[in-house]
Amino acid sequence: MEIKNKIILFMALISLTGMKVFAQQQDIMQVTGSRGVYSTVNGEMIQEVFAPVVITQGNVKITCDHAIRYISRNVAELIGNVVATQDTLTITTSHGYYYGDDRKAESNSGVQLNDKKVVLTADSGDYFFNEDKAVFRSNVKLVDTSSTLTSSQLIYYKDTGKAIATGHVKIVESKDVIRADSLIHYRDSRVTFADSHVRISSSANNSIIFGDHLEDYPAKYYTLVNKNPLFIQIDSSYIQKRDSGSVSNRNDTSLVLKIDTLVIRAKKMEAYRDTINLFKAEDSVRIVRGAFASRNDFTEYFRNKGEIITIKKSEDSNQPIIWYENSQLTGDSVSIFLKENKINMLDVDRNAFILSQNEKYKKRFDQISGSRVVIHFGDEGIEETDVYGGVHSIYYLYEDNDPNGLTKSSSESAKILFDNKRVSAVKLYGTPTSEYYPEKKVLGSELSFTLPGFLIYKDRPVKNDLLDNYFASGKEVPVKNKFELHSSDLK
């Protein structure tokens, strides 16, 4: 029995020794060529091999025109038409080194990697065959079937398709371009995380989103920017404008191209690029577009429908505030409807309040409150306002542009008509009451004629301030003139 156990132990030792020898053979760098010359340089044995050179180590195969093998270090210098392969991977360069102990190839003479899924090029790079990892540097470019990524440095994991890029990073995919200081991109899912000086531009809707952290999930058609986000969109439209030089009795008009830039700042922004094409901004939202501005806690922008909705999210939240030209609107929710990139209608729902300051007489504010207010716009501004539910109003009167007292009214509903941005008629419905105050009782006491809830907000957002404050921290200014964005800036 003892002899049998010794035989089993002996056989096991032979087996383990054989496996170790086989493993060592797998790690040995095998070099062949048409001719080989051995010599000693500085006390080190080298082997110089001439074309056609073939180097193998396990499943790694390298061919080149000329190789110098440093035997004790297990390193080979590769010269001319270098091609390294491993399974589906091919690496090409004109000059490089292969380190047998580390199973690593490196080149500073321009290098290309092709794994049948991506093509990766750079001025220099290392490839770790055991880890299936590439580290490429300087003028890095990664191309696959749907996108192109460029950067100063990139780490690429072949098996997982994960790319970590740093320095002047740019991804171009269809009509979207992402730029950042650093970025992580997953090839299979196309998920992208970007940090610091992030900028995503879309030529499909002429928009740019800036920020310091971006998450993009193409399969979900979803993008999140939750650090210092800024949204800019260029809108253009044609408006009918009266011809001031007309000599006829007609009201001649002409089409005039109008360029508006929509600017939104908030603490968090989300974009849903599916069929609804929804953009959301949340927390300390500020919006400016032409004569329109807003402050609110939450905004939804349905780009396909041309609809912007701002809401009061809770009882403790502030109402959205809307400014349009010399008017201020507040309500629990405000919906803005766009038509051909122009504001077509405003719908202020629940606890609606509107006040409008006279351009000449700054202390005189037309006011109206109700459960709901709907404002209709034309090419030259407000054309009609409809008010519903517990309507109260104060309107100042003028005769030949001179003040002529005011009217204080209440009704169930009201319709206010405008001409050339001035009230032309007020119609009250449902048991209306009205009281006239002559000018002598109004002059000097204008601010005593106010409705409950009257409050003038002084913090109206200004486009230049939103952009100037954003880029004042040292962020890259995206355009030649910070305050006017052009189509070329979307590229």
Protein backbone atom coordinates (compact mmCIF):
# COMPACT_ATOMS: atom_id res chain seq x y z
CA MET A 1 0.00 0.00 0.00
CA GLU A 2 2.89 2.35 0.83
CA ILE A 3 4.57 1.62 -2.54
CA LYS A 4 1.31 2.41 -4.38
CA ASN A 5 0.99 5.80 -2.65
CA LYS A 6 4.60 6.68 -3.55
CA ILE A 7 3.91 5.85 -7.21
CA ILE A 8 0.81 8.10 -7.23
CA LEU A 9 2.79 10.96 -5.63
CA PHE A 10 5.63 10.52 -8.16
CA MET A 11 3.20 10.62 -11.10
CA ALA A 12 1.55 13.75 -9.72
CA LEU A 13 4.91 15.50 -9.41
CA ILE A 14 5.78 14.56 -13.01
CA SER A 15 2.42 15.95 -14.16
CA LEU A 16 2.87 19.25 -12.31
CA THR A 17 6.43 19.60 -13.60
CA GLY A 18 5.22 19.00 -17.16
CA MET A 19 2.51 21.64 -16.81
CA LYS A 20 5.08 24.13 -15.47
CA VAL A 21 7.46 23.44 -18.35
CA PHE A 22 4.60 23.82 -20.86
CA ALA A 23 3.55 27.13 -19.27
CA GLN A 24 7.14 28.35 -19.40
CA GLN A 25 7.33 27.36 -23.06
CA GLN A 26 4.17 29.34 -23.69
CA ASP A 27 5.87 32.42 -22.15
CA ILE A 28 9.06 32.05 -24.17
CA MET A 29 9.42 34.47 -27.07
CA GLN A 30 10.08 32.48 -30.23
CA VAL A 31 11.89 34.44 -32.95
CA THR A 32 12.54 33.20 -36.49
CA GLY A 33 13.81 34.84 -39.64
CA SER A 34 15.78 34.32 -42.83
CA ARG A 35 19.01 34.98 -40.97
CA GLY A 36 20.01 35.54 -37.36
CA VAL A 37 23.22 37.06 -35.98
CA TYR A 38 24.24 36.88 -32.31
CA SER A 39 26.49 39.44 -30.69
CA THR A 40 27.28 41.14 -27.38
CA VAL A 41 26.61 44.84 -26.83
CA ASN A 42 27.64 46.42 -23.52
CA GLY A 43 27.82 42.99 -21.98
CA GLU A 44 24.32 42.03 -23.14
CA MET A 45 23.62 39.18 -25.56
CA ILE A 46 21.46 40.25 -28.52
CA GLN A 47 20.08 38.45 -31.55
CA GLU A 48 19.55 40.41 -34.76
CA VAL A 49 17.02 38.79 -37.07
CA PHE A 50 16.27 39.71 -40.68
CA ALA A 51 13.14 39.45 -42.86
CA PRO A 52 10.86 37.71 -42.88
CA VAL A 53 10.81 38.05 -39.08
CA VAL A 54 8.15 36.14 -37.12
CA ILE A 55 7.86 36.45 -33.33
CA THR A 56 5.40 34.31 -31.38
CA GLN A 57 4.47 34.05 -27.73
CA GLY A 58 1.36 32.06 -26.91
CA ASN A 59 -1.42 33.40 -29.12
CA VAL A 60 0.49 36.60 -29.91
CA LYS A 61 2.17 36.77 -33.32
CA ILE A 62 4.33 39.63 -34.61
CA THR A 63 5.86 40.08 -38.05
CA CYS A 64 8.29 42.80 -39.19
CA ASP A 65 11.19 43.48 -41.54
CA HIS A 66 13.91 43.51 -38.91
CA ALA A 67 14.12 42.67 -35.22
CA ILE A 68 16.73 43.04 -32.47
CA ARG A 69 16.14 40.67 -29.57
CA TYR A 70 17.60 41.46 -26.14
CA ILE A 71 17.78 37.93 -24.80
CA SER A 72 18.26 38.45 -21.07
CA ARG A 73 15.50 41.09 -20.90
CA ASN A 74 13.13 39.11 -23.15
CA VAL A 75 12.56 42.26 -25.23
CA ALA A 76 12.51 42.72 -28.98
CA GLU A 77 12.90 45.92 -30.99
CA LEU A 78 10.62 45.78 -34.04
CA ILE A 79 11.62 47.67 -37.20
CA GLY A 80 9.68 48.15 -40.43
CA ASN A 81 6.13 47.02 -41.37
CA VAL A 82 5.36 45.82 -37.85
CA VAL A 83 2.12 43.78 -37.57
CA ALA A 84 1.03 42.25 -34.23
CA THR A 85 -2.01 39.96 -34.06
CA GLN A 86 -3.96 38.19 -31.35
CA ASP A 87 -7.24 36.49 -32.29
CA THR A 88 -9.28 39.22 -34.06
CA LEU A 89 -6.90 41.99 -33.00
CA THR A 90 -4.37 43.57 -35.38
CA ILE A 91 -1.87 46.29 -34.44
CA THR A 92 0.33 47.96 -37.06
CA THR A 93 3.21 50.46 -36.80
CA SER A 94 6.55 51.24 -38.44
CA HIS A 95 8.68 50.81 -35.32
CA GLY A 96 8.11 49.55 -31.81
CA TYR A 97 9.08 47.22 -28.99
CA TYR A 98 7.66 44.00 -27.61
CA TYR A 99 8.18 43.06 -23.94
CA GLY A 100 7.83 39.32 -23.52
CA ASP A 101 7.63 39.25 -19.72
CA ASP A 102 4.79 41.77 -19.70
CA ARG A 103 3.32 40.66 -23.02
CA LYS A 104 3.21 44.33 -23.98
CA ALA A 105 3.81 46.09 -27.30
CA GLU A 106 4.62 49.80 -27.57
CA SER A 107 5.28 52.29 -30.33
CA ASN A 108 6.07 56.00 -30.63
CA SER A 109 6.02 55.99 -34.43
CA GLY A 110 2.31 56.11 -35.17
CA VAL A 111 0.17 53.11 -34.33
CA GLN A 112 -3.14 51.60 -35.46
CA LEU A 113 -5.33 49.04 -33.68
CA ASN A 114 -8.13 47.15 -35.45
CA ASP A 115 -10.23 44.58 -33.56
CA LYS A 116 -12.96 44.20 -36.23
CA LYS A 117 -15.20 46.47 -34.15
CA VAL A 118 -13.20 49.69 -33.87
CA VAL A 119 -10.19 51.25 -35.55
CA LEU A 120 -7.96 53.12 -33.10
CA THR A 121 -5.04 55.32 -34.19
CA ALA A 122 -2.58 57.58 -32.35
CA ASP A 123 0.94 59.01 -32.46
CA SER A 124 2.03 56.52 -29.80
CA GLY A 125 0.54 53.69 -27.82
CA ASP A 126 0.96 50.60 -25.66
CA TYR A 127 -1.02 47.36 -25.86
CA PHE A 128 -1.20 44.85 -22.99
CA PHE A 129 -2.12 41.49 -24.52
CA ASN A 130 -2.89 39.77 -21.18
CA GLU A 131 -5.34 42.53 -20.22
CA ASP A 132 -6.74 43.25 -23.70
CA LYS A 133 -6.01 46.89 -22.92
CA ALA A 134 -4.67 49.69 -25.12
CA VAL A 135 -3.22 52.97 -23.84
CA PHE A 136 -2.89 55.42 -26.76
CA ARG A 137 -1.53 58.97 -26.63
CA SER A 138 -1.48 62.13 -28.79
CA ASN A 139 -3.91 62.68 -31.68
CA VAL A 140 -5.97 59.68 -30.63
CA LYS A 141 -8.85 58.70 -32.90
CA LEU A 142 -11.33 55.86 -32.37
CA VAL A 143 -13.78 55.04 -35.16
CA ASP A 144 -16.62 52.51 -35.19
CA THR A 145 -19.71 52.04 -37.34
CA SER A 146 -21.69 54.90 -35.77
CA SER A 147 -19.30 57.35 -34.10
CA THR A 148 -15.86 58.93 -34.08
CA LEU A 149 -14.00 59.76 -30.85
CA THR A 150 -10.89 61.95 -30.67
CA SER A 151 -8.80 62.88 -27.62
CA SER A 152 -5.30 63.49 -26.30
CA GLN A 153 -5.17 60.15 -24.49
CA LEU A 154 -7.38 57.07 -24.47
CA ILE A 155 -7.50 53.77 -22.60
CA TYR A 156 -9.42 51.11 -24.50
CA TYR A 157 -10.52 47.71 -23.14
CA LYS A 158 -11.09 45.46 -26.14
CA ASP A 159 -13.27 42.80 -24.49
CA THR A 160 -15.70 45.19 -22.80
CA GLY A 161 -15.53 47.96 -25.41
CA LYS A 162 -14.92 50.52 -22.66
CA ALA A 163 -12.99 53.67 -23.61
CA ILE A 164 -11.63 56.21 -21.11
CA ALA A 165 -10.62 59.42 -22.90
CA THR A 166 -8.96 62.55 -21.52
CA GLY A 167 -7.87 65.87 -22.97
CA HIS A 168 -9.87 67.72 -25.67
CA VAL A 169 -12.33 64.83 -25.96
CA LYS A 170 -14.84 64.89 -28.82
CA ILE A 171 -17.43 62.32 -29.93
CA VAL A 172 -19.27 62.82 -33.22
CA GLU A 173 -22.35 60.63 -33.65
CA SER A 174 -24.97 61.35 -36.30
CA LYS A 175 -26.20 64.90 -35.62
CA ASP A 176 -24.85 65.10 -32.05
CA VAL A 177 -21.37 66.16 -30.91
CA ILE A 178 -20.10 65.74 -27.33
CA ARG A 179 -17.01 67.55 -26.05
CA ALA A 180 -15.43 67.30 -22.59
CA ASP A 181 -12.15 67.26 -20.66
CA SER A 182 -12.68 63.59 -19.77
CA LEU A 183 -15.12 60.94 -20.90
CA ILE A 184 -16.02 57.27 -20.42
CA HIS A 185 -17.73 55.59 -23.37
CA TYR A 186 -19.09 52.03 -23.69
CA ARG A 187 -19.06 50.84 -27.29
CA ASP A 188 -21.82 48.21 -27.11
CA SER A 189 -24.43 50.21 -25.14
CA ARG A 190 -23.15 53.59 -26.43
CA VAL A 191 -23.57 54.92 -22.87
CA THR A 192 -21.34 57.95 -22.22
CA PHE A 193 -20.27 59.74 -19.04
CA ALA A 194 -18.48 63.08 -19.51
CA ASP A 195 -16.93 65.48 -16.99
CA SER A 196 -15.58 69.02 -16.89
CA HIS A 197 -16.29 71.59 -19.63
CA VAL A 198 -18.90 69.33 -21.16
CA ARG A 199 -20.64 70.52 -24.31
CA ILE A 200 -23.22 68.55 -26.31
CA SER A 201 -24.45 70.16 -29.53
CA SER A 202 -27.19 69.02 -31.89
CA SER A 203 -27.58 70.27 -35.44
CA ALA A 204 -31.03 68.64 -35.53
CA ASN A 205 -32.52 71.33 -33.27
CA ASN A 206 -29.76 73.99 -33.29
CA SER A 207 -29.02 73.55 -29.59
CA ILE A 208 -26.05 73.30 -27.24
CA ILE A 209 -26.01 72.08 -23.63
CA PHE A 210 -23.03 72.98 -21.44
CA GLY A 211 -22.21 71.52 -18.02
CA ASP A 212 -19.62 69.81 -15.85
CA HIS A 213 -21.16 66.32 -15.76
CA LEU A 214 -23.14 64.56 -18.47
CA GLU A 215 -24.70 61.11 -18.71
CA ASP A 216 -25.99 59.98 -22.10
CA TYR A 217 -28.04 56.79 -22.60
CA PRO A 218 -28.78 56.44 -26.34
CA ALA A 219 -30.86 53.24 -25.96
CA LYS A 220 -33.21 55.18 -23.68
CA TYR A 221 -32.92 58.37 -25.75
CA TYR A 222 -32.05 60.09 -22.47
CA THR A 223 -29.40 62.65 -21.47
CA LEU A 224 -28.74 64.09 -18.00
CA VAL A 225 -26.65 67.15 -17.11
CA ASN A 226 -26.64 67.78 -13.36
CA LYS A 227 -23.63 70.03 -12.76
CA ASN A 228 -23.78 73.68 -13.88
CA PRO A 229 -26.02 73.06 -16.89
CA LEU A 230 -26.70 75.73 -19.51
CA PHE A 231 -28.98 75.24 -22.53
CA ILE A 232 -28.81 77.43 -25.66
CA GLN A 233 -30.98 77.06 -28.76
CA ILE A 234 -31.08 79.21 -31.88
CA ASP A 235 -34.58 79.88 -33.24
CA SER A 236 -35.42 81.72 -36.43
CA SER A 237 -38.80 82.84 -37.75
CA TYR A 238 -40.40 85.24 -40.20
CA ILE A 239 -42.76 87.91 -38.89
CA GLN A 240 -45.14 90.31 -40.62
CA LYS A 241 -43.97 93.87 -40.02
CA ARG A 242 -45.73 97.07 -41.01
CA ASP A 243 -43.89 99.16 -43.58
CA SER A 244 -43.33 102.56 -41.99
CA GLY A 245 -42.39 104.13 -45.34
CA SER A 246 -45.55 103.14 -47.17
CA VAL A 247 -47.19 106.02 -49.08
CA SER A 248 -50.44 104.20 -49.72
CA ASN A 249 -53.49 104.13 -47.46
CA ARG A 250 -53.06 100.39 -46.96
CA ASN A 251 -51.28 98.87 -44.00
CA ASP A 252 -48.51 97.41 -46.13
CA THR A 253 -46.45 94.69 -44.46
CA SER A 254 -43.37 92.67 -45.28
CA LEU A 255 -41.80 89.46 -44.00
CA VAL A 256 -38.80 90.04 -41.74
CA LEU A 257 -36.43 87.31 -40.54
CA LYS A 258 -36.17 87.27 -36.75
CA ILE A 259 -33.43 85.37 -34.88
CA ASP A 260 -34.12 84.47 -31.25
CA THR A 261 -31.78 82.63 -28.91
CA LEU A 262 -33.36 80.58 -26.13
CA VAL A 263 -31.14 80.45 -23.01
CA ILE A 264 -31.98 78.25 -19.99
CA ARG A 265 -29.98 77.87 -16.79
CA ALA A 266 -30.84 75.51 -13.93
CA LYS A 267 -29.24 73.06 -11.51
CA LYS A 268 -30.42 69.96 -13.36
CA MET A 269 -31.38 69.33 -16.99
CA GLU A 270 -32.73 66.23 -18.71
CA ALA A 271 -33.43 65.53 -22.37
CA TYR A 272 -35.68 62.77 -23.71
CA ARG A 273 -35.01 62.42 -27.43
CA ASP A 274 -37.69 59.85 -28.26
CA THR A 275 -40.97 60.66 -30.01
CA ILE A 276 -41.96 63.30 -27.43
CA ASN A 277 -38.59 65.12 -27.68
CA LEU A 278 -38.87 66.48 -24.14
CA PHE A 279 -36.41 68.77 -22.37
CA LYS A 280 -36.64 69.32 -18.59
CA ALA A 281 -34.98 71.91 -16.35
CA GLU A 282 -35.27 71.77 -12.57
CA ASP A 283 -34.28 73.87 -9.54
CA SER A 284 -33.56 77.61 -9.87
CA VAL A 285 -34.59 77.67 -13.51
CA ARG A 286 -34.00 80.89 -15.45
CA ILE A 287 -35.16 81.31 -19.05
CA VAL A 288 -34.62 84.12 -21.59
CA ARG A 289 -35.87 84.23 -25.17
CA GLY A 290 -36.17 87.62 -26.84
CA ALA A 291 -38.69 89.72 -24.90
CA PHE A 292 -39.67 86.66 -22.84
CA ALA A 293 -38.07 85.69 -19.52
CA SER A 294 -38.94 83.42 -16.61
CA ARG A 295 -37.89 82.24 -13.16
CA ASN A 296 -39.36 78.98 -11.88
CA ASP A 297 -38.64 75.71 -10.10
CA PHE A 298 -39.50 73.33 -12.93
CA THR A 299 -39.76 73.62 -16.72
CA GLU A 300 -40.78 71.13 -19.39
CA TYR A 301 -40.08 71.95 -23.04
CA PHE A 302 -41.81 69.72 -25.62
CA ARG A 303 -39.76 70.64 -28.66
CA ASN A 304 -41.84 68.74 -31.23
CA LYS A 305 -45.06 70.42 -30.07
CA GLY A 306 -43.48 73.80 -29.40
CA GLU A 307 -44.78 73.89 -25.82
CA ILE A 308 -43.02 75.13 -22.66
CA ILE A 309 -44.65 74.37 -19.29
CA THR A 310 -43.49 75.90 -16.00
CA ILE A 311 -45.15 74.76 -12.78
CA LYS A 312 -45.19 75.27 -9.04
CA LYS A 313 -44.11 71.84 -7.79
CA SER A 314 -45.46 72.05 -4.21
CA GLU A 315 -47.46 74.25 -1.88
CA ASP A 316 -44.25 75.61 -0.38
CA SER A 317 -42.72 76.39 -3.77
CA ASN A 318 -42.73 79.80 -5.44
CA GLN A 319 -45.03 80.44 -8.36
CA PRO A 320 -43.43 80.60 -11.81
CA ILE A 321 -42.79 84.19 -12.86
CA ILE A 322 -43.07 85.16 -16.53
CA TRP A 323 -42.00 88.47 -18.02
CA TYR A 324 -42.97 89.49 -21.55
CA GLU A 325 -41.94 92.96 -22.71
CA ASN A 326 -43.36 95.26 -20.01
CA SER A 327 -45.73 92.65 -18.51
CA GLN A 328 -45.26 90.32 -15.54
CA LEU A 329 -47.31 87.12 -15.10
CA THR A 330 -47.55 84.70 -12.19
CA GLY A 331 -49.59 81.54 -11.67
CA ASP A 332 -49.29 78.01 -10.32
CA SER A 333 -48.54 76.78 -13.84
CA VAL A 334 -47.76 78.64 -17.04
CA SER A 335 -47.86 77.04 -20.50
CA ILE A 336 -46.20 78.77 -23.43
CA PHE A 337 -47.21 77.64 -26.92
CA LEU A 338 -44.92 78.32 -29.87
CA LYS A 339 -45.91 78.43 -33.53
CA GLU A 340 -43.23 78.66 -36.20
CA ASN A 341 -40.73 79.45 -33.41
CA LYS A 342 -42.81 82.40 -32.17
CA ILE A 343 -44.81 82.69 -28.95
CA ASN A 344 -48.41 82.12 -30.02
CA MET A 345 -50.25 81.73 -26.71
CA LEU A 346 -49.72 81.87 -22.94
CA ASP A 347 -51.97 79.89 -20.59
CA VAL A 348 -51.65 80.89 -16.90
CA ASP A 349 -53.58 78.47 -14.67
CA ARG A 350 -54.62 78.84 -11.00
CA ASN A 351 -54.02 82.04 -9.03
CA ALA A 352 -53.20 83.95 -12.21
CA PHE A 353 -52.00 87.55 -11.91
CA ILE A 354 -50.81 89.90 -14.65
CA LEU A 355 -49.47 93.41 -14.29
CA SER A 356 -48.22 95.64 -17.10
CA GLN A 357 -46.18 98.78 -16.62
CA ASN A 358 -46.86 101.79 -18.80
CA GLU A 359 -43.75 102.68 -20.79
CA LYS A 360 -44.11 106.41 -20.18
CA TYR A 361 -45.81 106.56 -16.79
CA LYS A 362 -43.74 104.11 -14.78
CA LYS A 363 -45.92 104.16 -11.66
CA ARG A 364 -49.04 103.04 -13.56
CA PHE A 365 -49.62 99.28 -13.68
CA ASP A 366 -52.55 97.66 -15.44
CA GLN A 367 -53.53 94.62 -13.35
CA ILE A 368 -55.78 91.63 -13.76
CA SER A 369 -56.28 88.51 -11.65
CA GLY A 370 -58.37 85.38 -12.00
CA SER A 371 -58.35 81.62 -11.86
CA ARG A 372 -57.01 81.36 -15.41
CA VAL A 373 -55.62 83.77 -18.00
CA VAL A 374 -55.09 82.96 -21.70
CA ILE A 375 -53.06 85.42 -23.78
CA HIS A 376 -52.99 85.34 -27.60
CA PHE A 377 -50.07 86.86 -29.53
CA GLY A 378 -49.64 88.21 -33.04
CA ASP A 379 -46.60 89.39 -34.92
CA GLU A 380 -46.51 92.67 -33.02
CA GLY A 381 -47.24 91.43 -29.51
CA ILE A 382 -50.35 90.72 -27.42
CA GLU A 383 -53.60 90.82 -29.39
CA GLU A 384 -56.14 89.42 -26.92
CA THR A 385 -56.34 88.32 -23.29
CA ASP A 386 -59.13 86.10 -21.91
CA VAL A 387 -59.60 85.82 -18.14
CA TYR A 388 -61.77 83.25 -16.32
CA GLY A 389 -62.99 82.77 -12.76
CA GLY A 390 -63.27 85.58 -10.19
CA VAL A 391 -61.87 88.29 -12.42
CA HIS A 392 -60.58 91.53 -10.88
CA SER A 393 -58.88 94.25 -12.90
CA ILE A 394 -57.44 97.74 -12.79
CA TYR A 395 -56.88 99.54 -16.10
CA TYR A 396 -55.53 103.03 -16.57
CA LEU A 397 -57.21 105.22 -19.14
CA TYR A 398 -55.61 107.68 -21.58
CA GLU A 399 -56.90 110.35 -23.90
CA ASP A 400 -54.55 111.44 -26.67
CA ASN A 401 -51.74 109.69 -24.72
CA ASP A 402 -52.49 111.79 -21.64
CA PRO A 403 -53.56 110.09 -18.36
CA ASN A 404 -57.30 110.09 -17.75
CA GLY A 405 -57.93 108.17 -14.54
CA LEU A 406 -58.53 104.42 -14.19
CA THR A 407 -61.27 101.80 -14.08
CA LYS A 408 -61.50 99.15 -11.37
CA SER A 409 -63.71 96.18 -12.33
CA SER A 410 -64.80 92.67 -11.35
CA SER A 411 -66.64 89.95 -13.26
CA GLU A 412 -66.85 86.22 -13.86
CA SER A 413 -64.83 86.47 -17.07
CA ALA A 414 -63.27 89.14 -19.24
CA LYS A 415 -61.83 89.75 -22.70
CA ILE A 416 -59.21 92.44 -23.26
CA LEU A 417 -58.33 93.49 -26.81
CA PHE A 418 -55.07 95.23 -27.76
CA ASP A 419 -53.96 97.45 -30.60
CA ASN A 420 -50.33 98.34 -31.08
CA LYS A 421 -49.48 96.93 -27.63
CA ARG A 422 -52.11 99.08 -25.88
CA VAL A 423 -55.52 98.11 -24.49
CA SER A 424 -58.21 99.05 -27.02
CA ALA A 425 -61.27 97.45 -25.39
CA VAL A 426 -62.26 95.60 -22.20
CA LYS A 427 -65.34 93.35 -22.18
CA LEU A 428 -66.71 91.98 -18.90
CA TYR A 429 -69.08 89.01 -18.61
CA GLY A 430 -71.16 87.55 -15.76
CA THR A 431 -72.55 90.19 -13.33
CA PRO A 432 -69.80 92.72 -13.97
CA THR A 433 -69.17 95.72 -11.72
CA SER A 434 -67.02 98.68 -12.64
CA GLU A 435 -65.89 101.84 -10.92
CA TYR A 436 -64.19 104.84 -12.49
CA TYR A 437 -61.59 106.97 -10.65
CA PRO A 438 -60.91 110.38 -12.23
CA GLU A 439 -57.35 111.53 -12.86
CA LYS A 440 -57.32 113.98 -9.95
CA LYS A 441 -57.83 111.06 -7.51
CA VAL A 442 -55.21 108.93 -9.24
CA LEU A 443 -52.32 111.32 -9.84
CA GLY A 444 -49.69 110.87 -7.13
CA SER A 445 -51.51 107.90 -5.60
CA GLU A 446 -51.02 105.33 -8.37
CA LEU A 447 -49.48 102.65 -6.15
CA SER A 448 -52.45 102.74 -3.80
CA PHE A 449 -54.57 101.25 -6.60
CA THR A 450 -53.48 97.64 -6.46
CA LEU A 451 -55.19 94.25 -6.39
CA PRO A 452 -54.52 91.64 -3.69
CA GLY A 453 -51.34 89.78 -4.60
CA PHE A 454 -49.77 92.78 -6.32
CA LEU A 455 -45.97 92.35 -6.21
CA ILE A 456 -43.28 93.62 -8.56
CA TYR A 457 -40.44 91.11 -9.01
CA LYS A 458 -37.07 92.76 -9.64
CA ASP A 459 -34.99 89.69 -10.52
CA ARG A 460 -35.88 89.37 -14.20
CA PRO A 461 -33.25 87.21 -15.97
CA VAL A 462 -31.19 88.88 -18.69
CA LYS A 463 -29.53 86.81 -21.44
CA ASN A 464 -26.19 88.59 -21.25
CA ASP A 465 -26.06 88.08 -17.46
CA LEU A 466 -26.87 84.37 -17.73
CA LEU A 467 -24.08 83.82 -20.25
CA ASP A 468 -21.61 86.25 -18.73
CA ASN A 469 -21.96 84.83 -15.21
CA TYR A 470 -21.68 81.28 -16.55
CA PHE A 471 -18.45 81.79 -18.47
CA ALA A 472 -16.89 84.24 -16.00
CA SER A 473 -15.58 81.29 -13.94
CA GLY A 474 -13.05 80.50 -16.66
CA LYS A 475 -15.15 78.16 -18.75
CA GLU A 476 -14.46 78.20 -22.46
CA VAL A 477 -16.48 80.87 -24.24
CA PRO A 478 -18.29 78.98 -27.02
CA VAL A 479 -18.72 81.81 -29.51
CA LYS A 480 -16.87 84.85 -30.76
CA ASN A 481 -19.55 87.04 -29.26
CA LYS A 482 -20.81 85.45 -26.07
CA PHE A 483 -24.20 87.02 -26.44
CA GLU A 484 -25.05 85.99 -30.00
CA LEU A 485 -24.95 82.35 -31.04
CA HIS A 486 -24.60 81.31 -34.68
CA SER A 487 -25.11 78.04 -36.56
CA SER A 488 -21.37 77.50 -36.95
CA ASP A 489 -21.06 77.16 -33.18
CA LEU A 490 -23.06 73.93 -33.30
CA LYS A 491 -20.26 72.08 -35.11
